[in-house]
Amino acid sequence: MIDTAAVERALDEIRPHLHGAIELVSIDGSTVRVRMSGECADCSLQQVTLRTGVERVLRARLPEVRAVVSV
Protein backbone atom coordinates (compact mmCIF):
# COMPACT_ATOMS: atom_id res chain seq x y z
CA MET A 1 0.00 0.00 0.00
CA ILE A 2 1.32 3.42 -0.95
CA ASP A 3 1.63 5.86 1.94
CA THR A 4 -0.39 9.03 1.28
CA ALA A 5 1.90 11.15 3.46
CA ALA A 6 4.95 9.97 1.49
CA VAL A 7 3.25 10.93 -1.78
CA GLU A 8 2.43 14.36 -0.37
CA ARG A 9 6.07 14.83 0.71
CA ALA A 10 7.25 13.95 -2.80
CA LEU A 11 4.71 16.34 -4.33
CA ASP A 12 5.98 19.05 -1.97
CA GLU A 13 9.42 18.61 -3.55
CA ILE A 14 7.93 18.99 -7.03
CA ARG A 15 5.60 21.95 -6.44
CA PRO A 16 8.27 24.70 -6.43
CA HIS A 17 9.36 23.60 -9.92
CA LEU A 18 5.91 23.91 -11.48
CA HIS A 19 4.37 27.05 -12.93
CA GLY A 20 0.97 25.81 -11.76
CA ALA A 21 -0.24 23.55 -9.01
CA ILE A 22 -0.60 19.83 -8.40
CA GLU A 23 -2.75 18.05 -5.84
CA LEU A 24 -3.15 14.44 -4.86
CA VAL A 25 -6.62 13.20 -5.77
CA SER A 26 -6.37 9.52 -4.88
CA ILE A 27 -4.23 6.43 -4.76
CA ASP A 28 -5.67 3.38 -6.50
CA GLY A 29 -3.44 0.36 -5.98
CA SER A 30 -0.11 1.35 -7.55
CA THR A 31 -1.57 4.31 -9.47
CA VAL A 32 -1.39 7.83 -8.11
CA ARG A 33 -4.06 10.21 -9.43
CA VAL A 34 -3.26 13.92 -9.40
CA ARG A 35 -4.95 17.10 -10.56
CA MET A 36 -2.85 19.75 -12.22
CA SER A 37 -4.20 23.30 -12.12
CA GLY A 38 -3.19 26.87 -12.78
CA GLU A 39 -0.80 27.21 -15.70
CA CYS A 40 -0.25 23.44 -15.68
CA ALA A 41 -3.92 22.68 -16.38
CA ASP A 42 -3.89 23.84 -20.00
CA CYS A 43 -0.19 23.53 -20.78
CA SER A 44 0.67 21.61 -23.93
CA LEU A 45 3.59 20.05 -22.03
CA GLN A 46 1.44 18.74 -19.17
CA GLN A 47 1.98 15.07 -20.09
CA VAL A 48 5.73 15.62 -20.42
CA THR A 49 5.83 17.25 -16.99
CA LEU A 50 3.72 14.45 -15.59
CA ARG A 51 5.94 11.66 -16.96
CA THR A 52 9.44 13.11 -16.81
CA GLY A 53 8.95 15.18 -13.69
CA VAL A 54 6.18 14.05 -11.39
CA GLU A 55 6.19 10.33 -12.15
CA ARG A 56 9.99 10.13 -12.16
CA VAL A 57 10.24 11.73 -8.71
CA LEU A 58 7.39 9.69 -7.22
CA ARG A 59 8.78 6.41 -8.54
CA ALA A 60 12.27 7.27 -7.27
CA ARG A 61 10.91 7.98 -3.76
CA LEU A 62 8.24 5.26 -3.79
CA PRO A 63 9.15 2.25 -5.96
CA GLU A 64 5.68 0.78 -5.45
CA VAL A 65 4.22 3.59 -7.64
CA ARG A 66 3.70 2.19 -11.15
CA ALA A 67 1.83 5.08 -12.78
CA VAL A 68 0.82 8.69 -12.24
CA VAL A 69 -2.37 9.83 -13.97
CA SER A 70 -3.75 13.34 -14.32
CA VAL A 71 -7.53 13.55 -13.76
C-alpha atoms as a PDB file:
ATOM      1  CA  MET A   1       0.000   0.000   0.000  1.00  0.00           C
ATOM      2  CA  ILE A   2       1.322   3.425  -0.952  1.00  0.00           C
ATOM      3  CA  ASP A   3       1.635   5.863   1.935  1.00  0.00           C
ATOM      4  CA  THR A   4      -0.391   9.032   1.280  1.00  0.00           C
ATOM      5  CA  ALA A   5       1.903  11.152   3.456  1.00  0.00           C
ATOM      6  CA  ALA A   6       4.950   9.974   1.492  1.00  0.00           C
ATOM      7  CA  VAL A   7       3.255  10.927  -1.785  1.00  0.00           C
ATOM      8  CA  GLU A   8       2.432  14.364  -0.375  1.00  0.00           C
ATOM      9  CA  ARG A   9       6.070  14.832   0.711  1.00  0.00           C
ATOM     10  CA  ALA A  10       7.254  13.951  -2.795  1.00  0.00           C
ATOM     11  CA  LEU A  11       4.713  16.342  -4.327  1.00  0.00           C
ATOM     12  CA  ASP A  12       5.976  19.054  -1.965  1.00  0.00           C
ATOM     13  CA  GLU A  13       9.419  18.611  -3.547  1.00  0.00           C
ATOM     14  CA  ILE A  14       7.928  18.994  -7.025  1.00  0.00           C
ATOM     15  CA  ARG A  15       5.598  21.954  -6.439  1.00  0.00           C
ATOM     16  CA  PRO A  16       8.275  24.698  -6.426  1.00  0.00           C
ATOM     17  CA  HIS A  17       9.355  23.604  -9.916  1.00  0.00           C
ATOM     18  CA  LEU A  18       5.907  23.905 -11.482  1.00  0.00           C
ATOM     19  CA  HIS A  19       4.366  27.055 -12.933  1.00  0.00           C
ATOM     20  CA  GLY A  20       0.973  25.806 -11.765  1.00  0.00           C
ATOM     21  CA  ALA A  21      -0.239  23.549  -9.013  1.00  0.00           C
ATOM     22  CA  ILE A  22      -0.604  19.834  -8.395  1.00  0.00           C
ATOM     23  CA  GLU A  23      -2.754  18.047  -5.838  1.00  0.00           C
ATOM     24  CA  LEU A  24      -3.145  14.442  -4.857  1.00  0.00           C
ATOM     25  CA  VAL A  25      -6.620  13.200  -5.767  1.00  0.00           C
ATOM     26  CA  SER A  26      -6.373   9.517  -4.878  1.00  0.00           C
ATOM     27  CA  ILE A  27      -4.227   6.428  -4.765  1.00  0.00           C
ATOM     28  CA  ASP A  28      -5.673   3.383  -6.498  1.00  0.00           C
ATOM     29  CA  GLY A  29      -3.436   0.358  -5.977  1.00  0.00           C
ATOM     30  CA  SER A  30      -0.109   1.345  -7.547  1.00  0.00           C
ATOM     31  CA  THR A  31      -1.566   4.308  -9.471  1.00  0.00           C
ATOM     32  CA  VAL A  32      -1.389   7.835  -8.114  1.00  0.00           C
ATOM     33  CA  ARG A  33      -4.060  10.206  -9.432  1.00  0.00           C
ATOM     34  CA  VAL A  34      -3.263  13.916  -9.404  1.00  0.00           C
ATOM     35  CA  ARG A  35      -4.951  17.101 -10.564  1.00  0.00           C
ATOM     36  CA  MET A  36      -2.847  19.755 -12.221  1.00  0.00           C
ATOM     37  CA  SER A  37      -4.202  23.305 -12.125  1.00  0.00           C
ATOM     38  CA  GLY A  38      -3.185  26.870 -12.776  1.00  0.00           C
ATOM     39  CA  GLU A  39      -0.796  27.214 -15.704  1.00  0.00           C
ATOM     40  CA  CYS A  40      -0.251  23.439 -15.679  1.00  0.00           C
ATOM     41  CA  ALA A  41      -3.924  22.681 -16.381  1.00  0.00           C
ATOM     42  CA  ASP A  42      -3.888  23.836 -19.995  1.00  0.00           C
ATOM     43  CA  CYS A  43      -0.193  23.533 -20.778  1.00  0.00           C
ATOM     44  CA  SER A  44       0.672  21.606 -23.934  1.00  0.00           C
ATOM     45  CA  LEU A  45       3.586  20.048 -22.025  1.00  0.00           C
ATOM     46  CA  GLN A  46       1.435  18.738 -19.169  1.00  0.00           C
ATOM     47  CA  GLN A  47       1.982  15.072 -20.094  1.00  0.00           C
ATOM     48  CA  VAL A  48       5.731  15.618 -20.422  1.00  0.00           C
ATOM     49  CA  THR A  49       5.827  17.255 -16.987  1.00  0.00           C
ATOM     50  CA  LEU A  50       3.715  14.452 -15.588  1.00  0.00           C
ATOM     51  CA  ARG A  51       5.941  11.656 -16.956  1.00  0.00           C
ATOM     52  CA  THR A  52       9.445  13.113 -16.808  1.00  0.00           C
ATOM     53  CA  GLY A  53       8.954  15.182 -13.688  1.00  0.00           C
ATOM     54  CA  VAL A  54       6.181  14.054 -11.394  1.00  0.00           C
ATOM     55  CA  GLU A  55       6.188  10.325 -12.149  1.00  0.00           C
ATOM     56  CA  ARG A  56       9.986  10.126 -12.158  1.00  0.00           C
ATOM     57  CA  VAL A  57      10.238  11.728  -8.712  1.00  0.00           C
ATOM     58  CA  LEU A  58       7.387   9.692  -7.223  1.00  0.00           C
ATOM     59  CA  ARG A  59       8.780   6.411  -8.539  1.00  0.00           C
ATOM     60  CA  ALA A  60      12.270   7.271  -7.265  1.00  0.00           C
ATOM     61  CA  ARG A  61      10.912   7.976  -3.763  1.00  0.00           C
ATOM     62  CA  LEU A  62       8.240   5.256  -3.786  1.00  0.00           C
ATOM     63  CA  PRO A  63       9.151   2.246  -5.960  1.00  0.00           C
ATOM     64  CA  GLU A  64       5.676   0.784  -5.454  1.00  0.00           C
ATOM     65  CA  VAL A  65       4.216   3.589  -7.642  1.00  0.00           C
ATOM     66  CA  ARG A  66       3.700   2.190 -11.149  1.00  0.00           C
ATOM     67  CA  ALA A  67       1.830   5.085 -12.783  1.00  0.00           C
ATOM     68  CA  VAL A  68       0.816   8.685 -12.243  1.00  0.00           C
ATOM     69  CA  VAL A  69      -2.367   9.832 -13.968  1.00  0.00           C
ATOM     70  CA  SER A  70      -3.754  13.342 -14.319  1.00  0.00           C
ATOM     71  CA  VAL A  71      -7.526  13.553 -13.759  1.00  0.00           C
END
